[in-house]
PDB file of N, CA and C in Angstrom:
ATOM      1  N   MET A   1     105.227 -26.610 -52.133  1.00  0.00           N
ATOM      2  CA  MET A   1     103.917 -26.332 -51.595  1.00  0.00           C
ATOM      3  C   MET A   1     102.896 -26.453 -52.720  1.00  0.00           C
ATOM      4  N   LYS A   2     101.882 -27.243 -52.476  1.00  0.00           N
ATOM      5  CA  LYS A   2     100.812 -27.436 -53.452  1.00  0.00           C
ATOM      6  C   LYS A   2      99.877 -26.234 -53.400  1.00  0.00           C
ATOM      7  N   SER A   3      99.414 -25.796 -54.556  1.00  0.00           N
ATOM      8  CA  SER A   3      98.491 -24.665 -54.579  1.00  0.00           C
ATOM      9  C   SER A   3      97.169 -25.092 -55.214  1.00  0.00           C
ATOM     10  N   LEU A   4      96.113 -24.397 -54.792  1.00  0.00           N
ATOM     11  CA  LEU A   4      94.769 -24.641 -55.303  1.00  0.00           C
ATOM     12  C   LEU A   4      94.186 -23.339 -55.804  1.00  0.00           C
ATOM     13  N   ASN A   5      93.168 -23.433 -56.629  1.00  0.00           N
ATOM     14  CA  ASN A   5      92.459 -22.240 -57.085  1.00  0.00           C
ATOM     15  C   ASN A   5      91.404 -21.848 -56.066  1.00  0.00           C
ATOM     16  N   LEU A   6      91.212 -20.552 -55.895  1.00  0.00           N
ATOM     17  CA  LEU A   6      90.176 -20.005 -55.037  1.00  0.00           C
ATOM     18  C   LEU A   6      89.291 -19.124 -55.904  1.00  0.00           C
ATOM     19  N   ASN A   7      88.016 -19.462 -56.020  1.00  0.00           N
ATOM     20  CA  ASN A   7      87.086 -18.682 -56.828  1.00  0.00           C
ATOM     21  C   ASN A   7      86.291 -17.752 -55.927  1.00  0.00           C
ATOM     22  N   VAL A   8      86.258 -16.493 -56.284  1.00  0.00           N
ATOM     23  CA  VAL A   8      85.562 -15.487 -55.495  1.00  0.00           C
ATOM     24  C   VAL A   8      84.704 -14.645 -56.431  1.00  0.00           C
ATOM     25  N   ARG A   9      83.455 -14.404 -56.050  1.00  0.00           N
ATOM     26  CA  ARG A   9      82.590 -13.529 -56.837  1.00  0.00           C
ATOM     27  C   ARG A   9      82.855 -12.085 -56.441  1.00  0.00           C
ATOM     28  N   VAL A  10      83.112 -11.253 -57.441  1.00  0.00           N
ATOM     29  CA  VAL A  10      83.424  -9.848 -57.221  1.00  0.00           C
ATOM     30  C   VAL A  10      82.689  -9.024 -58.273  1.00  0.00           C
ATOM     31  N   ASP A  11      82.250  -7.856 -57.871  1.00  0.00           N
ATOM     32  CA  ASP A  11      81.622  -6.927 -58.795  1.00  0.00           C
ATOM     33  C   ASP A  11      82.585  -6.647 -59.957  1.00  0.00           C
ATOM     34  N   THR A  12      82.067  -6.578 -61.160  1.00  0.00           N
ATOM     35  CA  THR A  12      82.885  -6.379 -62.360  1.00  0.00           C
ATOM     36  C   THR A  12      83.743  -5.117 -62.262  1.00  0.00           C
ATOM     37  N   HIS A  13      83.142  -4.032 -61.848  1.00  0.00           N
ATOM     38  CA  HIS A  13      83.866  -2.760 -61.726  1.00  0.00           C
ATOM     39  C   HIS A  13      84.975  -2.858 -60.666  1.00  0.00           C
ATOM     40  N   ASP A  14      84.645  -3.483 -59.515  1.00  0.00           N
ATOM     41  CA  ASP A  14      85.640  -3.635 -58.449  1.00  0.00           C
ATOM     42  C   ASP A  14      86.816  -4.492 -58.920  1.00  0.00           C
ATOM     43  N   LYS A  15      86.521  -5.565 -59.660  1.00  0.00           N
ATOM     44  CA  LYS A  15      87.591  -6.440 -60.167  1.00  0.00           C
ATOM     45  C   LYS A  15      88.535  -5.663 -61.085  1.00  0.00           C
ATOM     46  N   LYS A  16      87.948  -4.880 -61.959  1.00  0.00           N
ATOM     47  CA  LYS A  16      88.758  -4.097 -62.899  1.00  0.00           C
ATOM     48  C   LYS A  16      89.650  -3.108 -62.148  1.00  0.00           C
ATOM     49  N   GLU A  17      89.060  -2.389 -61.174  1.00  0.00           N
ATOM     50  CA  GLU A  17      89.851  -1.423 -60.402  1.00  0.00           C
ATOM     51  C   GLU A  17      90.925  -2.111 -59.566  1.00  0.00           C
ATOM     52  N   PHE A  18      90.586  -3.294 -59.008  1.00  0.00           N
ATOM     53  CA  PHE A  18      91.546  -4.057 -58.214  1.00  0.00           C
ATOM     54  C   PHE A  18      92.735  -4.492 -59.076  1.00  0.00           C
ATOM     55  N   GLU A  19      92.447  -4.962 -60.268  1.00  0.00           N
ATOM     56  CA  GLU A  19      93.519  -5.360 -61.188  1.00  0.00           C
ATOM     57  C   GLU A  19      94.369  -4.154 -61.583  1.00  0.00           C
ATOM     58  N   GLN A  20      93.746  -3.015 -61.810  1.00  0.00           N
ATOM     59  CA  GLN A  20      94.492  -1.806 -62.153  1.00  0.00           C
ATOM     60  C   GLN A  20      95.385  -1.374 -60.988  1.00  0.00           C
ATOM     61  N   PHE A  21      94.852  -1.474 -59.774  1.00  0.00           N
ATOM     62  CA  PHE A  21      95.659  -1.169 -58.598  1.00  0.00           C
ATOM     63  C   PHE A  21      96.881  -2.091 -58.542  1.00  0.00           C
ATOM     64  N   GLY A  22      96.629  -3.387 -58.719  1.00  0.00           N
ATOM     65  CA  GLY A  22      97.729  -4.351 -58.712  1.00  0.00           C
ATOM     66  C   GLY A  22      98.780  -4.018 -59.754  1.00  0.00           C
ATOM     67  N   ASN A  23      98.341  -3.638 -60.943  1.00  0.00           N
ATOM     68  CA  ASN A  23      99.280  -3.265 -62.006  1.00  0.00           C
ATOM     69  C   ASN A  23     100.124  -2.057 -61.609  1.00  0.00           C
ATOM     70  N   ARG A  24      99.479  -1.081 -60.952  1.00  0.00           N
ATOM     71  CA  ARG A  24     100.212   0.125 -60.538  1.00  0.00           C
ATOM     72  C   ARG A  24     101.301  -0.191 -59.515  1.00  0.00           C
ATOM     73  N   ILE A  25     101.078  -1.209 -58.683  1.00  0.00           N
ATOM     74  CA  ILE A  25     102.095  -1.554 -57.688  1.00  0.00           C
ATOM     75  C   ILE A  25     102.959  -2.731 -58.137  1.00  0.00           C
ATOM     76  N   GLY A  26     102.756  -3.162 -59.382  1.00  0.00           N
ATOM     77  CA  GLY A  26     103.612  -4.197 -59.965  1.00  0.00           C
ATOM     78  C   GLY A  26     103.260  -5.615 -59.560  1.00  0.00           C
ATOM     79  N   MET A  27     102.005  -5.852 -59.213  1.00  0.00           N
ATOM     80  CA  MET A  27     101.578  -7.196 -58.817  1.00  0.00           C
ATOM     81  C   MET A  27     100.277  -7.544 -59.518  1.00  0.00           C
ATOM     82  N   ASN A  28     100.088  -8.839 -59.761  1.00  0.00           N
ATOM     83  CA  ASN A  28      98.802  -9.252 -60.314  1.00  0.00           C
ATOM     84  C   ASN A  28      97.828  -9.509 -59.162  1.00  0.00           C
ATOM     85  N   ALA A  29      96.561  -9.694 -59.484  1.00  0.00           N
ATOM     86  CA  ALA A  29      95.520  -9.870 -58.471  1.00  0.00           C
ATOM     87  C   ALA A  29      95.802 -11.077 -57.582  1.00  0.00           C
ATOM     88  N   SER A  30      96.292 -12.142 -58.152  1.00  0.00           N
ATOM     89  CA  SER A  30      96.584 -13.352 -57.391  1.00  0.00           C
ATOM     90  C   SER A  30      97.634 -13.086 -56.310  1.00  0.00           C
ATOM     91  N   THR A  31      98.661 -12.345 -56.648  1.00  0.00           N
ATOM     92  CA  THR A  31      99.706 -12.027 -55.682  1.00  0.00           C
ATOM     93  C   THR A  31      99.164 -11.170 -54.547  1.00  0.00           C
ATOM     94  N   VAL A  32      98.346 -10.172 -54.887  1.00  0.00           N
ATOM     95  CA  VAL A  32      97.770  -9.299 -53.860  1.00  0.00           C
ATOM     96  C   VAL A  32      96.856 -10.098 -52.930  1.00  0.00           C
ATOM     97  N   VAL A  33      96.025 -10.975 -53.483  1.00  0.00           N
ATOM     98  CA  VAL A  33      95.134 -11.793 -52.661  1.00  0.00           C
ATOM     99  C   VAL A  33      95.950 -12.726 -51.773  1.00  0.00           C
ATOM    100  N   ASN A  34      96.990 -13.319 -52.309  1.00  0.00           N
ATOM    101  CA  ASN A  34      97.856 -14.195 -51.507  1.00  0.00           C
ATOM    102  C   ASN A  34      98.526 -13.431 -50.374  1.00  0.00           C
ATOM    103  N   MET A  35      98.932 -12.190 -50.628  1.00  0.00           N
ATOM    104  CA  MET A  35      99.517 -11.368 -49.562  1.00  0.00           C
ATOM    105  C   MET A  35      98.487 -11.119 -48.468  1.00  0.00           C
ATOM    106  N   PHE A  36      97.256 -10.834 -48.865  1.00  0.00           N
ATOM    107  CA  PHE A  36      96.176 -10.619 -47.907  1.00  0.00           C
ATOM    108  C   PHE A  36      95.989 -11.862 -47.035  1.00  0.00           C
ATOM    109  N   ILE A  37      95.894 -13.017 -47.670  1.00  0.00           N
ATOM    110  CA  ILE A  37      95.691 -14.274 -46.942  1.00  0.00           C
ATOM    111  C   ILE A  37      96.833 -14.525 -45.972  1.00  0.00           C
ATOM    112  N   LYS A  38      98.059 -14.344 -46.419  1.00  0.00           N
ATOM    113  CA  LYS A  38      99.228 -14.557 -45.545  1.00  0.00           C
ATOM    114  C   LYS A  38      99.191 -13.620 -44.340  1.00  0.00           C
ATOM    115  N   GLU A  39      98.808 -12.368 -44.563  1.00  0.00           N
ATOM    116  CA  GLU A  39      98.737 -11.393 -43.471  1.00  0.00           C
ATOM    117  C   GLU A  39      97.665 -11.784 -42.453  1.00  0.00           C
ATOM    118  N   VAL A  40      96.507 -12.230 -42.930  1.00  0.00           N
ATOM    119  CA  VAL A  40      95.438 -12.676 -42.028  1.00  0.00           C
ATOM    120  C   VAL A  40      95.921 -13.866 -41.203  1.00  0.00           C
ATOM    121  N   LEU A  41      96.547 -14.812 -41.834  1.00  0.00           N
ATOM    122  CA  LEU A  41      97.023 -15.997 -41.127  1.00  0.00           C
ATOM    123  C   LEU A  41      98.149 -15.662 -40.146  1.00  0.00           C
ATOM    124  N   ARG A  42      99.021 -14.763 -40.537  1.00  0.00           N
ATOM    125  CA  ARG A  42     100.146 -14.385 -39.674  1.00  0.00           C
ATOM    126  C   ARG A  42      99.667 -13.671 -38.421  1.00  0.00           C
ATOM    127  N   LYS A  43      98.746 -12.713 -38.585  1.00  0.00           N
ATOM    128  CA  LYS A  43      98.294 -11.899 -37.452  1.00  0.00           C
ATOM    129  C   LYS A  43      97.033 -12.440 -36.791  1.00  0.00           C
ATOM    130  N   GLN A  44      96.383 -13.415 -37.445  1.00  0.00           N
ATOM    131  CA  GLN A  44      95.138 -13.979 -36.934  1.00  0.00           C
ATOM    132  C   GLN A  44      94.054 -12.914 -36.742  1.00  0.00           C
ATOM    133  N   LYS A  45      94.026 -11.965 -37.664  1.00  0.00           N
ATOM    134  CA  LYS A  45      92.988 -10.938 -37.682  1.00  0.00           C
ATOM    135  C   LYS A  45      92.972 -10.296 -39.052  1.00  0.00           C
ATOM    136  N   LEU A  46      91.874  -9.624 -39.359  1.00  0.00           N
ATOM    137  CA  LEU A  46      91.805  -8.900 -40.625  1.00  0.00           C
ATOM    138  C   LEU A  46      92.691  -7.670 -40.544  1.00  0.00           C
ATOM    139  N   PRO A  47      93.363  -7.323 -41.614  1.00  0.00           N
ATOM    140  CA  PRO A  47      94.288  -6.185 -41.580  1.00  0.00           C
ATOM    141  C   PRO A  47      93.590  -4.831 -41.749  1.00  0.00           C
ATOM    142  N   PHE A  48      92.323  -4.761 -41.363  1.00  0.00           N
ATOM    143  CA  PHE A  48      91.577  -3.510 -41.404  1.00  0.00           C
ATOM    144  C   PHE A  48      90.440  -3.613 -40.402  1.00  0.00           C
ATOM    145  N   GLU A  49      89.877  -2.472 -40.053  1.00  0.00           N
ATOM    146  CA  GLU A  49      88.807  -2.424 -39.069  1.00  0.00           C
ATOM    147  C   GLU A  49      87.454  -2.637 -39.736  1.00  0.00           C
ATOM    148  N   ILE A  50      86.590  -3.388 -39.071  1.00  0.00           N
ATOM    149  CA  ILE A  50      85.226  -3.580 -39.542  1.00  0.00           C
ATOM    150  C   ILE A  50      84.306  -2.980 -38.496  1.00  0.00           C
ATOM    151  N   ARG A  51      83.427  -2.097 -38.947  1.00  0.00           N
ATOM    152  CA  ARG A  51      82.494  -1.438 -38.031  1.00  0.00           C
ATOM    153  C   ARG A  51      81.084  -1.531 -38.582  1.00  0.00           C
ATOM    154  N   THR A  52      80.152  -1.288 -37.700  1.00  0.00           N
ATOM    155  CA  THR A  52      78.759  -1.195 -38.114  1.00  0.00           C
ATOM    156  C   THR A  52      78.264   0.205 -37.797  1.00  0.00           C
ATOM    157  N   ASP A  53      77.092   0.538 -38.300  1.00  0.00           N
ATOM    158  CA  ASP A  53      76.494   1.835 -38.002  1.00  0.00           C
ATOM    159  C   ASP A  53      76.205   1.990 -36.521  1.00  0.00           C
ATOM    160  N   THR A  54      76.123   0.876 -35.803  1.00  0.00           N
ATOM    161  CA  THR A  54      75.852   0.913 -34.371  1.00  0.00           C
ATOM    162  C   THR A  54      76.878   1.778 -33.652  1.00  0.00           C
ATOM    163  N   PHE A  55      78.130   1.719 -34.087  1.00  0.00           N
ATOM    164  CA  PHE A  55      79.177   2.535 -33.475  1.00  0.00           C
ATOM    165  C   PHE A  55      78.805   4.005 -33.533  1.00  0.00           C
ATOM    166  N   ASP A  56      78.376   4.486 -34.691  1.00  0.00           N
ATOM    167  CA  ASP A  56      77.983   5.883 -34.848  1.00  0.00           C
ATOM    168  C   ASP A  56      76.777   6.219 -33.982  1.00  0.00           C
ATOM    169  N   GLU A  57      75.841   5.286 -33.889  1.00  0.00           N
ATOM    170  CA  GLU A  57      74.660   5.515 -33.063  1.00  0.00           C
ATOM    171  C   GLU A  57      75.037   5.652 -31.587  1.00  0.00           C
ATOM    172  N   ILE A  58      75.956   4.813 -31.122  1.00  0.00           N
ATOM    173  CA  ILE A  58      76.395   4.875 -29.727  1.00  0.00           C
ATOM    174  C   ILE A  58      77.087   6.205 -29.448  1.00  0.00           C
ATOM    175  N   VAL A  59      77.970   6.619 -30.328  1.00  0.00           N
ATOM    176  CA  VAL A  59      78.676   7.887 -30.142  1.00  0.00           C
ATOM    177  C   VAL A  59      77.688   9.046 -30.131  1.00  0.00           C
ATOM    178  N   TYR A  60      76.739   9.050 -31.061  1.00  0.00           N
ATOM    179  CA  TYR A  60      75.748  10.114 -31.122  1.00  0.00           C
ATOM    180  C   TYR A  60      74.920  10.150 -29.834  1.00  0.00           C
ATOM    181  N   GLU A  61      74.514   8.987 -29.355  1.00  0.00           N
ATOM    182  CA  GLU A  61      73.735   8.910 -28.115  1.00  0.00           C
ATOM    183  C   GLU A  61      74.538   9.468 -26.942  1.00  0.00           C
ATOM    184  N   LYS A  62      75.818   9.100 -26.865  1.00  0.00           N
ATOM    185  CA  LYS A  62      76.666   9.586 -25.767  1.00  0.00           C
ATOM    186  C   LYS A  62      76.892  11.094 -25.875  1.00  0.00           C
ATOM    187  N   LEU A  63      77.000  11.611 -27.081  1.00  0.00           N
ATOM    188  CA  LEU A  63      77.148  13.061 -27.246  1.00  0.00           C
ATOM    189  C   LEU A  63      75.883  13.788 -26.803  1.00  0.00           C
ATOM    190  N   GLU A  64      74.725  13.227 -27.118  1.00  0.00           N
ATOM    191  CA  GLU A  64      73.469  13.824 -26.663  1.00  0.00           C
ATOM    192  C   GLU A  64      73.387  13.826 -25.140  1.00  0.00           C
ATOM    193  N   GLU A  65      73.789  12.711 -24.516  1.00  0.00           N
ATOM    194  CA  GLU A  65      73.806  12.629 -23.061  1.00  0.00           C
ATOM    195  C   GLU A  65      74.738  13.681 -22.462  1.00  0.00           C
ATOM    196  N   ALA A  66      75.898  13.832 -23.072  1.00  0.00           N
ATOM    197  CA  ALA A  66      76.876  14.814 -22.580  1.00  0.00           C
ATOM    198  C   ALA A  66      76.331  16.226 -22.713  1.00  0.00           C
ATOM    199  N   GLU A  67      75.677  16.515 -23.828  1.00  0.00           N
ATOM    200  CA  GLU A  67      75.111  17.849 -24.027  1.00  0.00           C
ATOM    201  C   GLU A  67      74.029  18.139 -22.985  1.00  0.00           C
ATOM    202  N   LEU A  68      73.175  17.162 -22.721  1.00  0.00           N
ATOM    203  CA  LEU A  68      72.128  17.321 -21.711  1.00  0.00           C
ATOM    204  C   LEU A  68      72.745  17.555 -20.328  1.00  0.00           C
ATOM    205  N   GLU A  69      73.771  16.780 -20.025  1.00  0.00           N
ATOM    206  CA  GLU A  69      74.441  16.925 -18.731  1.00  0.00           C
ATOM    207  C   GLU A  69      75.101  18.304 -18.603  1.00  0.00           C
ATOM    208  N   MET A  70      75.701  18.763 -19.697  1.00  0.00           N
ATOM    209  CA  MET A  70      76.363  20.072 -19.664  1.00  0.00           C
ATOM    210  C   MET A  70      75.362  21.197 -19.412  1.00  0.00           C
ATOM    211  N   THR A  71      74.177  21.099 -19.988  1.00  0.00           N
ATOM    212  CA  THR A  71      73.198  22.177 -19.842  1.00  0.00           C
ATOM    213  C   THR A  71      72.443  22.096 -18.525  1.00  0.00           C
ATOM    214  N   SER A  72      72.414  20.919 -17.880  1.00  0.00           N
ATOM    215  CA  SER A  72      71.648  20.774 -16.646  1.00  0.00           C
ATOM    216  C   SER A  72      72.514  20.669 -15.407  1.00  0.00           C
ATOM    217  N   ASN A  73      73.812  20.733 -15.549  1.00  0.00           N
ATOM    218  CA  ASN A  73      74.709  20.514 -14.419  1.00  0.00           C
ATOM    219  C   ASN A  73      75.791  21.576 -14.418  1.00  0.00           C
ATOM    220  N   THR A  74      76.099  22.072 -13.255  1.00  0.00           N
ATOM    221  CA  THR A  74      77.151  23.100 -13.172  1.00  0.00           C
ATOM    222  C   THR A  74      78.533  22.480 -13.022  1.00  0.00           C
ATOM    223  N   GLN A  75      78.598  21.159 -12.821  1.00  0.00           N
ATOM    224  CA  GLN A  75      79.896  20.505 -12.671  1.00  0.00           C
ATOM    225  C   GLN A  75      80.650  20.523 -13.998  1.00  0.00           C
ATOM    226  N   ARG A  76      81.912  20.812 -13.944  1.00  0.00           N
ATOM    227  CA  ARG A  76      82.756  20.818 -15.138  1.00  0.00           C
ATOM    228  C   ARG A  76      83.818  19.736 -15.014  1.00  0.00           C
ATOM    229  N   TYR A  77      84.273  19.244 -16.152  1.00  0.00           N
ATOM    230  CA  TYR A  77      85.246  18.158 -16.174  1.00  0.00           C
ATOM    231  C   TYR A  77      86.545  18.644 -16.797  1.00  0.00           C
ATOM    232  N   SER A  78      87.639  18.056 -16.329  1.00  0.00           N
ATOM    233  CA  SER A  78      88.939  18.394 -16.908  1.00  0.00           C
ATOM    234  C   SER A  78      89.074  17.723 -18.270  1.00  0.00           C
ATOM    235  N   LYS A  79      90.037  18.193 -19.037  1.00  0.00           N
ATOM    236  CA  LYS A  79      90.299  17.598 -20.351  1.00  0.00           C
ATOM    237  C   LYS A  79      90.622  16.110 -20.199  1.00  0.00           C
ATOM    238  N   GLU A  80      91.384  15.765 -19.181  1.00  0.00           N
ATOM    239  CA  GLU A  80      91.776  14.379 -18.957  1.00  0.00           C
ATOM    240  C   GLU A  80      90.559  13.497 -18.643  1.00  0.00           C
ATOM    241  N   GLU A  81      89.623  14.030 -17.830  1.00  0.00           N
ATOM    242  CA  GLU A  81      88.413  13.274 -17.507  1.00  0.00           C
ATOM    243  C   GLU A  81      87.558  13.043 -18.749  1.00  0.00           C
ATOM    244  N   VAL A  82      87.454  14.062 -19.573  1.00  0.00           N
ATOM    245  CA  VAL A  82      86.670  13.933 -20.813  1.00  0.00           C
ATOM    246  C   VAL A  82      87.305  12.914 -21.738  1.00  0.00           C
ATOM    247  N   LEU A  83      88.632  12.979 -21.931  1.00  0.00           N
ATOM    248  CA  LEU A  83      89.320  12.022 -22.810  1.00  0.00           C
ATOM    249  C   LEU A  83      89.205  10.601 -22.278  1.00  0.00           C
ATOM    250  N   LYS A  84      89.338  10.420 -20.966  1.00  0.00           N
ATOM    251  CA  LYS A  84      89.208   9.083 -20.382  1.00  0.00           C
ATOM    252  C   LYS A  84      87.802   8.551 -20.623  1.00  0.00           C
ATOM    253  N   SER A  85      86.798   9.382 -20.404  1.00  0.00           N
ATOM    254  CA  SER A  85      85.411   8.969 -20.620  1.00  0.00           C
ATOM    255  C   SER A  85      85.177   8.593 -22.076  1.00  0.00           C
ATOM    256  N   MET A  86      85.719   9.385 -23.004  1.00  0.00           N
ATOM    257  CA  MET A  86      85.562   9.084 -24.431  1.00  0.00           C
ATOM    258  C   MET A  86      86.246   7.759 -24.772  1.00  0.00           C
ATOM    259  N   ASN A  87      87.451   7.536 -24.244  1.00  0.00           N
ATOM    260  CA  ASN A  87      88.163   6.294 -24.513  1.00  0.00           C
ATOM    261  C   ASN A  87      87.424   5.098 -23.938  1.00  0.00           C
ATOM    262  N   ASP A  88      86.793   5.271 -22.757  1.00  0.00           N
ATOM    263  CA  ASP A  88      86.014   4.195 -22.168  1.00  0.00           C
ATOM    264  C   ASP A  88      84.827   3.833 -23.056  1.00  0.00           C
ATOM    265  N   ILE A  89      84.203   4.842 -23.652  1.00  0.00           N
ATOM    266  CA  ILE A  89      83.031   4.623 -24.504  1.00  0.00           C
ATOM    267  C   ILE A  89      83.439   4.004 -25.835  1.00  0.00           C
ATOM    268  N   ILE A  90      84.459   4.596 -26.459  1.00  0.00           N
ATOM    269  CA  ILE A  90      84.862   4.164 -27.801  1.00  0.00           C
ATOM    270  C   ILE A  90      85.677   2.888 -27.769  1.00  0.00           C
ATOM    271  N   GLY A  91      86.501   2.758 -26.765  1.00  0.00           N
ATOM    272  CA  GLY A  91      87.284   1.529 -26.624  1.00  0.00           C
ATOM    273  C   GLY A  91      88.660   1.628 -27.092  1.00  0.00           C
TER     274      GLY A  91
END
């Protein structure tokens, strides 16, 4: 298998810490990056979650709505209904 170089710009401090991490687990930076690439290609997704602040805003808005509903409505919900509603919102 032919290999090529991949140049990536990284913050100096982050690079140093990344290399130290690699040393602690017995791998150099190149090996760790190659493992990352292989995992992305194998699973066809990033091996971690990416979120935006929008998620927090949506949850906060839904909590405000729930609080308003609780104070203005005498209807109560079961634990299962609340969990289902939360799962529907969060996904």
